């Protein structure tokens, strides 16, 4: 699983090449996911181990994933927390 996203009141679980629907609410999934998942927007939770790049500009921030063409938007509200969590994740694997 690379990320979970709510779109049009439906929770979608994304893998590198598939999309599954979940009956769980996003906040309920967030509570049950392991610690290497992080919220990056009101409607999106990502797997920190799958992040390949964070592209930030003045207007927005996009996250790219390993072995996938998919990207998600990270809101400014969560950007600092995202950077901190990515740094923690990388330093714990070195």
PDB file of N, CA and C in Angstrom:
ATOM      1  N   UNK A   1       0.855  -1.173   0.000  1.00  0.00           N
ATOM      2  CA  UNK A   1       0.000   0.000   0.000  1.00  0.00           C
ATOM      3  C   UNK A   1       0.902   1.236   0.000  1.00  0.00           C
ATOM      4  N   UNK A   2       0.635   2.139  -0.961  1.00  0.00           N
ATOM      5  CA  UNK A   2       1.458   3.350  -0.996  1.00  0.00           C
ATOM      6  C   UNK A   2       0.751   4.559  -0.409  1.00  0.00           C
ATOM      7  N   UNK A   3      -0.582   4.624  -0.562  1.00  0.00           N
ATOM      8  CA  UNK A   3      -1.316   5.682   0.112  1.00  0.00           C
ATOM      9  C   UNK A   3      -2.802   5.360   0.168  1.00  0.00           C
ATOM     10  N   UNK A   4      -3.488   6.079   1.059  1.00  0.00           N
ATOM     11  CA  UNK A   4      -4.930   5.963   1.234  1.00  0.00           C
ATOM     12  C   UNK A   4      -5.494   7.359   1.049  1.00  0.00           C
ATOM     13  N   UNK A   5      -6.574   7.457   0.294  1.00  0.00           N
ATOM     14  CA  UNK A   5      -7.113   8.774  -0.026  1.00  0.00           C
ATOM     15  C   UNK A   5      -8.634   8.725  -0.074  1.00  0.00           C
ATOM     16  N   UNK A   6      -9.255   9.787   0.394  1.00  0.00           N
ATOM     17  CA  UNK A   6     -10.704   9.919   0.276  1.00  0.00           C
ATOM     18  C   UNK A   6     -10.998  10.751  -0.958  1.00  0.00           C
ATOM     19  N   UNK A   7     -11.839  10.206  -1.806  1.00  0.00           N
ATOM     20  CA  UNK A   7     -12.250  10.921  -3.012  1.00  0.00           C
ATOM     21  C   UNK A   7     -13.742  10.724  -3.197  1.00  0.00           C
ATOM     22  N   UNK A   8     -14.478  11.831  -3.209  1.00  0.00           N
ATOM     23  CA  UNK A   8     -15.936  11.793  -3.354  1.00  0.00           C
ATOM     24  C   UNK A   8     -16.580  10.856  -2.337  1.00  0.00           C
ATOM     25  N   UNK A   9     -16.212  11.026  -1.073  1.00  0.00           N
ATOM     26  CA  UNK A   9     -16.768  10.266   0.063  1.00  0.00           C
ATOM     27  C   UNK A   9     -16.447   8.777   0.036  1.00  0.00           C
ATOM     28  N   UNK A  10     -15.493   8.377  -0.790  1.00  0.00           N
ATOM     29  CA  UNK A  10     -15.076   6.986  -0.863  1.00  0.00           C
ATOM     30  C   UNK A  10     -13.609   6.893  -0.469  1.00  0.00           C
ATOM     31  N   UNK A  11     -13.289   5.965   0.432  1.00  0.00           N
ATOM     32  CA  UNK A  11     -11.898   5.753   0.823  1.00  0.00           C
ATOM     33  C   UNK A  11     -11.275   4.782  -0.165  1.00  0.00           C
ATOM     34  N   UNK A  12     -10.176   5.216  -0.776  1.00  0.00           N
ATOM     35  CA  UNK A  12      -9.481   4.410  -1.770  1.00  0.00           C
ATOM     36  C   UNK A  12      -8.087   4.059  -1.257  1.00  0.00           C
ATOM     37  N   UNK A  13      -7.758   2.775  -1.344  1.00  0.00           N
ATOM     38  CA  UNK A  13      -6.450   2.279  -0.939  1.00  0.00           C
ATOM     39  C   UNK A  13      -5.663   2.023  -2.218  1.00  0.00           C
ATOM     40  N   UNK A  14      -4.536   2.728  -2.369  1.00  0.00           N
ATOM     41  CA  UNK A  14      -3.737   2.641  -3.594  1.00  0.00           C
ATOM     42  C   UNK A  14      -2.499   1.780  -3.380  1.00  0.00           C
ATOM     43  N   UNK A  15      -2.289   0.860  -4.302  1.00  0.00           N
ATOM     44  CA  UNK A  15      -1.027   0.152  -4.400  1.00  0.00           C
ATOM     45  C   UNK A  15      -0.330   0.731  -5.635  1.00  0.00           C
ATOM     46  N   UNK A  16       0.809   0.199  -6.006  1.00  0.00           N
ATOM     47  CA  UNK A  16       1.537   0.737  -7.161  1.00  0.00           C
ATOM     48  C   UNK A  16       0.706   0.694  -8.434  1.00  0.00           C
ATOM     49  N   UNK A  17      -0.132  -0.330  -8.578  1.00  0.00           N
ATOM     50  CA  UNK A  17      -0.873  -0.448  -9.834  1.00  0.00           C
ATOM     51  C   UNK A  17      -2.365  -0.744  -9.679  1.00  0.00           C
ATOM     52  N   UNK A  18      -2.868  -0.753  -8.464  1.00  0.00           N
ATOM     53  CA  UNK A  18      -4.285  -1.039  -8.232  1.00  0.00           C
ATOM     54  C   UNK A  18      -4.905  -0.005  -7.293  1.00  0.00           C
ATOM     55  N   UNK A  19      -6.233   0.069  -7.308  1.00  0.00           N
ATOM     56  CA  UNK A  19      -6.991   0.902  -6.372  1.00  0.00           C
ATOM     57  C   UNK A  19      -8.106   0.038  -5.796  1.00  0.00           C
ATOM     58  N   UNK A  20      -8.176  -0.008  -4.478  1.00  0.00           N
ATOM     59  CA  UNK A  20      -9.208  -0.762  -3.789  1.00  0.00           C
ATOM     60  C   UNK A  20     -10.068   0.207  -2.992  1.00  0.00           C
ATOM     61  N   UNK A  21     -11.324  -0.122  -2.814  1.00  0.00           N
ATOM     62  CA  UNK A  21     -12.207   0.705  -2.004  1.00  0.00           C
ATOM     63  C   UNK A  21     -12.346   0.078  -0.629  1.00  0.00           C
ATOM     64  N   UNK A  22     -12.448   0.941   0.375  1.00  0.00           N
ATOM     65  CA  UNK A  22     -12.594   0.492   1.750  1.00  0.00           C
ATOM     66  C   UNK A  22     -13.870   1.078   2.339  1.00  0.00           C
ATOM     67  N   UNK A  23     -14.508   0.306   3.191  1.00  0.00           N
ATOM     68  CA  UNK A  23     -15.707   0.791   3.867  1.00  0.00           C
ATOM     69  C   UNK A  23     -15.352   1.563   5.132  1.00  0.00           C
ATOM     70  N   UNK A  24     -14.076   1.467   5.549  1.00  0.00           N
ATOM     71  CA  UNK A  24     -13.600   2.185   6.738  1.00  0.00           C
ATOM     72  C   UNK A  24     -13.513   3.670   6.453  1.00  0.00           C
ATOM     73  N   UNK A  25     -13.681   4.462   7.457  1.00  0.00           N
ATOM     74  CA  UNK A  25     -13.453   5.901   7.357  1.00  0.00           C
ATOM     75  C   UNK A  25     -11.956   6.147   7.416  1.00  0.00           C
ATOM     76  N   UNK A  26     -11.511   7.242   6.833  1.00  0.00           N
ATOM     77  CA  UNK A  26     -10.087   7.554   6.782  1.00  0.00           C
ATOM     78  C   UNK A  26      -9.490   7.666   8.187  1.00  0.00           C
ATOM     79  N   UNK A  27     -10.174   8.338   9.106  1.00  0.00           N
ATOM     80  CA  UNK A  27      -9.639   8.500  10.456  1.00  0.00           C
ATOM     81  C   UNK A  27      -9.535   7.152  11.179  1.00  0.00           C
ATOM     82  N   UNK A  28     -10.438   6.222  10.895  1.00  0.00           N
ATOM     83  CA  UNK A  28     -10.371   4.896  11.506  1.00  0.00           C
ATOM     84  C   UNK A  28      -9.183   4.115  10.951  1.00  0.00           C
ATOM     85  N   UNK A  29      -8.966   4.204   9.658  1.00  0.00           N
ATOM     86  CA  UNK A  29      -7.797   3.559   9.057  1.00  0.00           C
ATOM     87  C   UNK A  29      -6.510   4.153   9.605  1.00  0.00           C
ATOM     88  N   UNK A  30      -6.477   5.458   9.753  1.00  0.00           N
ATOM     89  CA  UNK A  30      -5.278   6.125  10.261  1.00  0.00           C
ATOM     90  C   UNK A  30      -4.891   5.576  11.629  1.00  0.00           C
ATOM     91  N   UNK A  31      -5.867   5.335  12.477  1.00  0.00           N
ATOM     92  CA  UNK A  31      -5.598   4.809  13.808  1.00  0.00           C
ATOM     93  C   UNK A  31      -5.081   3.381  13.785  1.00  0.00           C
ATOM     94  N   UNK A  32      -5.435   2.614  12.769  1.00  0.00           N
ATOM     95  CA  UNK A  32      -5.033   1.210  12.714  1.00  0.00           C
ATOM     96  C   UNK A  32      -3.762   0.956  11.891  1.00  0.00           C
ATOM     97  N   UNK A  33      -3.299   1.955  11.150  1.00  0.00           N
ATOM     98  CA  UNK A  33      -2.107   1.767  10.316  1.00  0.00           C
ATOM     99  C   UNK A  33      -0.832   1.832  11.153  1.00  0.00           C
ATOM    100  N   UNK A  34       0.236   1.168  10.712  1.00  0.00           N
ATOM    101  CA  UNK A  34       1.522   1.228  11.420  1.00  0.00           C
ATOM    102  C   UNK A  34       2.098   2.645  11.454  1.00  0.00           C
ATOM    103  N   UNK A  35       3.097   2.854  12.270  1.00  0.00           N
ATOM    104  CA  UNK A  35       3.688   4.173  12.481  1.00  0.00           C
ATOM    105  C   UNK A  35       4.384   4.781  11.281  1.00  0.00           C
ATOM    106  N   UNK A  36       4.652   3.994  10.255  1.00  0.00           N
ATOM    107  CA  UNK A  36       5.321   4.542   9.074  1.00  0.00           C
ATOM    108  C   UNK A  36       4.337   5.116   8.059  1.00  0.00           C
ATOM    109  N   UNK A  37       3.088   5.296   8.452  1.00  0.00           N
ATOM    110  CA  UNK A  37       2.104   6.022   7.652  1.00  0.00           C
ATOM    111  C   UNK A  37       1.920   7.404   8.260  1.00  0.00           C
ATOM    112  N   UNK A  38       1.720   8.408   7.415  1.00  0.00           N
ATOM    113  CA  UNK A  38       1.572   9.790   7.891  1.00  0.00           C
ATOM    114  C   UNK A  38       0.520  10.513   7.072  1.00  0.00           C
ATOM    115  N   UNK A  39      -0.237  11.348   7.749  1.00  0.00           N
ATOM    116  CA  UNK A  39      -1.219  12.179   7.053  1.00  0.00           C
ATOM    117  C   UNK A  39      -0.482  13.342   6.408  1.00  0.00           C
ATOM    118  N   UNK A  40      -0.801  13.614   5.137  1.00  0.00           N
ATOM    119  CA  UNK A  40      -0.163  14.712   4.413  1.00  0.00           C
ATOM    120  C   UNK A  40      -1.171  15.736   3.900  1.00  0.00           C
ATOM    121  N   UNK A  41      -2.445  15.405   4.053  1.00  0.00           N
ATOM    122  CA  UNK A  41      -3.528  16.312   3.671  1.00  0.00           C
ATOM    123  C   UNK A  41      -4.784  15.838   4.398  1.00  0.00           C
ATOM    124  N   UNK A  42      -5.781  16.663   4.384  1.00  0.00           N
ATOM    125  CA  UNK A  42      -7.022  16.313   5.061  1.00  0.00           C
ATOM    126  C   UNK A  42      -7.578  14.973   4.576  1.00  0.00           C
ATOM    127  N   UNK A  43      -7.362  14.670   3.309  1.00  0.00           N
ATOM    128  CA  UNK A  43      -7.933  13.459   2.721  1.00  0.00           C
ATOM    129  C   UNK A  43      -6.905  12.409   2.309  1.00  0.00           C
ATOM    130  N   UNK A  44      -5.643  12.527   2.767  1.00  0.00           N
ATOM    131  CA  UNK A  44      -4.609  11.613   2.280  1.00  0.00           C
ATOM    132  C   UNK A  44      -3.650  11.183   3.385  1.00  0.00           C
ATOM    133  N   UNK A  45      -3.367   9.875   3.414  1.00  0.00           N
ATOM    134  CA  UNK A  45      -2.373   9.279   4.309  1.00  0.00           C
ATOM    135  C   UNK A  45      -1.407   8.501   3.421  1.00  0.00           C
ATOM    136  N   UNK A  46      -0.105   8.658   3.645  1.00  0.00           N
ATOM    137  CA  UNK A  46       0.885   7.992   2.800  1.00  0.00           C
ATOM    138  C   UNK A  46       1.748   7.017   3.593  1.00  0.00           C
ATOM    139  N   UNK A  47       2.354   6.081   2.865  1.00  0.00           N
ATOM    140  CA  UNK A  47       3.347   5.169   3.412  1.00  0.00           C
ATOM    141  C   UNK A  47       4.707   5.847   3.236  1.00  0.00           C
ATOM    142  N   UNK A  48       5.346   6.220   4.330  1.00  0.00           N
ATOM    143  CA  UNK A  48       6.610   6.961   4.259  1.00  0.00           C
ATOM    144  C   UNK A  48       7.722   6.154   3.597  1.00  0.00           C
ATOM    145  N   UNK A  49       7.677   4.830   3.706  1.00  0.00           N
ATOM    146  CA  UNK A  49       8.705   3.991   3.092  1.00  0.00           C
ATOM    147  C   UNK A  49       8.603   3.959   1.570  1.00  0.00           C
ATOM    148  N   UNK A  50       7.474   4.350   1.016  1.00  0.00           N
ATOM    149  CA  UNK A  50       7.274   4.313  -0.431  1.00  0.00           C
ATOM    150  C   UNK A  50       7.550   5.650  -1.125  1.00  0.00           C
ATOM    151  N   UNK A  51       7.868   6.684  -0.374  1.00  0.00           N
ATOM    152  CA  UNK A  51       8.103   8.008  -0.955  1.00  0.00           C
ATOM    153  C   UNK A  51       9.434   8.024  -1.692  1.00  0.00           C
ATOM    154  N   UNK A  52       9.400   8.464  -2.934  1.00  0.00           N
ATOM    155  CA  UNK A  52      10.645   8.592  -3.695  1.00  0.00           C
ATOM    156  C   UNK A  52      11.081  10.048  -3.813  1.00  0.00           C
ATOM    157  N   UNK A  53      10.119  10.982  -3.813  1.00  0.00           N
ATOM    158  CA  UNK A  53      10.478  12.401  -3.940  1.00  0.00           C
ATOM    159  C   UNK A  53       9.362  13.282  -3.397  1.00  0.00           C
ATOM    160  N   UNK A  54       9.793  14.433  -2.866  1.00  0.00           N
ATOM    161  CA  UNK A  54       8.863  15.475  -2.445  1.00  0.00           C
ATOM    162  C   UNK A  54       9.235  16.711  -3.239  1.00  0.00           C
ATOM    163  N   UNK A  55       8.344  17.138  -4.104  1.00  0.00           N
ATOM    164  CA  UNK A  55       8.601  18.286  -4.974  1.00  0.00           C
ATOM    165  C   UNK A  55       7.787  19.472  -4.482  1.00  0.00           C
ATOM    166  N   UNK A  56       8.474  20.461  -3.968  1.00  0.00           N
ATOM    167  CA  UNK A  56       7.788  21.610  -3.390  1.00  0.00           C
ATOM    168  C   UNK A  56       8.074  22.856  -4.218  1.00  0.00           C
ATOM    169  N   UNK A  57       7.023  23.613  -4.466  1.00  0.00           N
ATOM    170  CA  UNK A  57       7.156  24.906  -5.122  1.00  0.00           C
ATOM    171  C   UNK A  57       6.451  25.925  -4.242  1.00  0.00           C
ATOM    172  N   UNK A  58       6.398  27.153  -4.678  1.00  0.00           N
ATOM    173  CA  UNK A  58       5.697  28.165  -3.895  1.00  0.00           C
ATOM    174  C   UNK A  58       4.208  27.864  -3.790  1.00  0.00           C
ATOM    175  N   UNK A  59       3.645  27.280  -4.813  1.00  0.00           N
ATOM    176  CA  UNK A  59       2.206  27.067  -4.863  1.00  0.00           C
ATOM    177  C   UNK A  59       1.755  25.733  -4.262  1.00  0.00           C
ATOM    178  N   UNK A  60       2.581  24.689  -4.380  1.00  0.00           N
ATOM    179  CA  UNK A  60       2.114  23.383  -3.910  1.00  0.00           C
ATOM    180  C   UNK A  60       3.265  22.431  -3.601  1.00  0.00           C
ATOM    181  N   UNK A  61       2.902  21.246  -3.148  1.00  0.00           N
ATOM    182  CA  UNK A  61       3.864  20.206  -2.817  1.00  0.00           C
ATOM    183  C   UNK A  61       3.298  18.868  -3.287  1.00  0.00           C
ATOM    184  N   UNK A  62       4.045  18.178  -4.135  1.00  0.00           N
ATOM    185  CA  UNK A  62       3.625  16.888  -4.658  1.00  0.00           C
ATOM    186  C   UNK A  62       4.567  15.798  -4.181  1.00  0.00           C
ATOM    187  N   UNK A  63       3.998  14.643  -3.849  1.00  0.00           N
ATOM    188  CA  UNK A  63       4.780  13.504  -3.392  1.00  0.00           C
ATOM    189  C   UNK A  63       4.716  12.428  -4.463  1.00  0.00           C
ATOM    190  N   UNK A  64       5.889  11.909  -4.838  1.00  0.00           N
ATOM    191  CA  UNK A  64       5.986  10.816  -5.800  1.00  0.00           C
ATOM    192  C   UNK A  64       6.378   9.545  -5.049  1.00  0.00           C
ATOM    193  N   UNK A  65       6.027   8.402  -5.628  1.00  0.00           N
ATOM    194  CA  UNK A  65       6.257   7.127  -4.969  1.00  0.00           C
ATOM    195  C   UNK A  65       7.135   6.205  -5.794  1.00  0.00           C
ATOM    196  N   UNK A  66       7.827   5.304  -5.105  1.00  0.00           N
ATOM    197  CA  UNK A  66       8.692   4.317  -5.764  1.00  0.00           C
ATOM    198  C   UNK A  66       7.855   3.378  -6.624  1.00  0.00           C
ATOM    199  N   UNK A  67       8.402   3.033  -7.770  1.00  0.00           N
ATOM    200  CA  UNK A  67       7.786   2.060  -8.680  1.00  0.00           C
ATOM    201  C   UNK A  67       6.314   2.348  -8.978  1.00  0.00           C
ATOM    202  N   UNK A  68       5.968   3.626  -9.057  1.00  0.00           N
ATOM    203  CA  UNK A  68       4.588   4.006  -9.379  1.00  0.00           C
ATOM    204  C   UNK A  68       4.577   5.366 -10.065  1.00  0.00           C
ATOM    205  N   UNK A  69       3.627   5.566 -10.935  1.00  0.00           N
ATOM    206  CA  UNK A  69       3.461   6.862 -11.589  1.00  0.00           C
ATOM    207  C   UNK A  69       2.584   7.790 -10.759  1.00  0.00           C
ATOM    208  N   UNK A  70       1.998   7.281  -9.693  1.00  0.00           N
ATOM    209  CA  UNK A  70       1.036   8.040  -8.899  1.00  0.00           C
ATOM    210  C   UNK A  70       1.713   9.132  -8.071  1.00  0.00           C
ATOM    211  N   UNK A  71       0.991  10.218  -7.878  1.00  0.00           N
ATOM    212  CA  UNK A  71       1.445  11.333  -7.050  1.00  0.00           C
ATOM    213  C   UNK A  71       0.274  11.818  -6.213  1.00  0.00           C
ATOM    214  N   UNK A  72       0.597  12.386  -5.046  1.00  0.00           N
ATOM    215  CA  UNK A  72      -0.441  12.994  -4.214  1.00  0.00           C
ATOM    216  C   UNK A  72       0.018  14.378  -3.781  1.00  0.00           C
ATOM    217  N   UNK A  73      -0.945  15.181  -3.450  1.00  0.00           N
ATOM    218  CA  UNK A  73      -0.718  16.542  -2.974  1.00  0.00           C
ATOM    219  C   UNK A  73      -0.535  16.515  -1.464  1.00  0.00           C
ATOM    220  N   UNK A  74       0.443  17.261  -0.974  1.00  0.00           N
ATOM    221  CA  UNK A  74       0.636  17.456   0.467  1.00  0.00           C
ATOM    222  C   UNK A  74       0.297  18.904   0.784  1.00  0.00           C
ATOM    223  N   UNK A  75      -0.549  19.106   1.752  1.00  0.00           N
ATOM    224  CA  UNK A  75      -0.948  20.470   2.086  1.00  0.00           C
ATOM    225  C   UNK A  75       0.128  21.159   2.915  1.00  0.00           C
ATOM    226  N   UNK A  76       0.122  22.473   2.877  1.00  0.00           N
ATOM    227  CA  UNK A  76       1.089  23.254   3.648  1.00  0.00           C
ATOM    228  C   UNK A  76       0.968  22.975   5.138  1.00  0.00           C
ATOM    229  N   UNK A  77      -0.234  22.712   5.580  1.00  0.00           N
ATOM    230  CA  UNK A  77      -0.467  22.440   7.004  1.00  0.00           C
ATOM    231  C   UNK A  77       0.335  21.235   7.495  1.00  0.00           C
ATOM    232  N   UNK A  78       0.499  20.227   6.657  1.00  0.00           N
ATOM    233  CA  UNK A  78       1.177  18.996   7.044  1.00  0.00           C
ATOM    234  C   UNK A  78       2.621  18.917   6.548  1.00  0.00           C
ATOM    235  N   UNK A  79       3.094  19.892   5.792  1.00  0.00           N
ATOM    236  CA  UNK A  79       4.403  19.789   5.149  1.00  0.00           C
ATOM    237  C   UNK A  79       5.548  19.632   6.160  1.00  0.00           C
ATOM    238  N   UNK A  80       5.567  20.454   7.188  1.00  0.00           N
ATOM    239  CA  UNK A  80       6.661  20.395   8.166  1.00  0.00           C
ATOM    240  C   UNK A  80       6.697  19.039   8.870  1.00  0.00           C
ATOM    241  N   UNK A  81       5.528  18.564   9.257  1.00  0.00           N
ATOM    242  CA  UNK A  81       5.426  17.255   9.899  1.00  0.00           C
ATOM    243  C   UNK A  81       5.900  16.151   8.945  1.00  0.00           C
ATOM    244  N   UNK A  82       5.552  16.275   7.672  1.00  0.00           N
ATOM    245  CA  UNK A  82       5.994  15.310   6.669  1.00  0.00           C
ATOM    246  C   UNK A  82       7.511  15.270   6.598  1.00  0.00           C
ATOM    247  N   UNK A  83       8.138  16.421   6.505  1.00  0.00           N
ATOM    248  CA  UNK A  83       9.599  16.485   6.431  1.00  0.00           C
ATOM    249  C   UNK A  83      10.239  15.852   7.667  1.00  0.00           C
ATOM    250  N   UNK A  84       9.710  16.158   8.842  1.00  0.00           N
ATOM    251  CA  UNK A  84      10.240  15.586  10.079  1.00  0.00           C
ATOM    252  C   UNK A  84      10.117  14.070  10.092  1.00  0.00           C
ATOM    253  N   UNK A  85       8.953  13.572   9.701  1.00  0.00           N
ATOM    254  CA  UNK A  85       8.725  12.120   9.684  1.00  0.00           C
ATOM    255  C   UNK A  85       9.597  11.413   8.655  1.00  0.00           C
ATOM    256  N   UNK A  86       9.785  12.031   7.479  1.00  0.00           N
ATOM    257  CA  UNK A  86      10.668  11.438   6.470  1.00  0.00           C
ATOM    258  C   UNK A  86      12.102  11.378   6.976  1.00  0.00           C
ATOM    259  N   UNK A  87      12.556  12.420   7.634  1.00  0.00           N
ATOM    260  CA  UNK A  87      13.910  12.426   8.203  1.00  0.00           C
ATOM    261  C   UNK A  87      14.067  11.349   9.272  1.00  0.00           C
ATOM    262  N   UNK A  88      13.065  11.174  10.119  1.00  0.00           N
ATOM    263  CA  UNK A  88      13.096  10.122  11.142  1.00  0.00           C
ATOM    264  C   UNK A  88      13.167   8.746  10.492  1.00  0.00           C
ATOM    265  N   UNK A  89      12.353   8.542   9.483  1.00  0.00           N
ATOM    266  CA  UNK A  89      12.291   7.257   8.801  1.00  0.00           C
ATOM    267  C   UNK A  89      13.626   6.926   8.145  1.00  0.00           C
ATOM    268  N   UNK A  90      14.211   7.902   7.490  1.00  0.00           N
ATOM    269  CA  UNK A  90      15.495   7.684   6.807  1.00  0.00           C
ATOM    270  C   UNK A  90      16.615   7.430   7.809  1.00  0.00           C
ATOM    271  N   UNK A  91      16.640   8.172   8.898  1.00  0.00           N
ATOM    272  CA  UNK A  91      17.720   8.000   9.875  1.00  0.00           C
ATOM    273  C   UNK A  91      17.589   6.678  10.633  1.00  0.00           C
ATOM    274  N   UNK A  92      16.384   6.153  10.793  1.00  0.00           N
ATOM    275  CA  UNK A  92      16.203   4.872  11.489  1.00  0.00           C
ATOM    276  C   UNK A  92      16.602   3.686  10.615  1.00  0.00           C
ATOM    277  N   UNK A  93      16.724   3.898   9.307  1.00  0.00           N
ATOM    278  CA  UNK A  93      17.109   2.809   8.396  1.00  0.00           C
ATOM    279  C   UNK A  93      18.563   2.867   7.967  1.00  0.00           C
ATOM    280  N   UNK A  94      19.319   3.765   8.523  1.00  0.00           N
ATOM    281  CA  UNK A  94      20.739   3.870   8.146  1.00  0.00           C
ATOM    282  C   UNK A  94      21.609   3.092   9.077  1.00  0.00           C
TER     283      UNK A  94
END
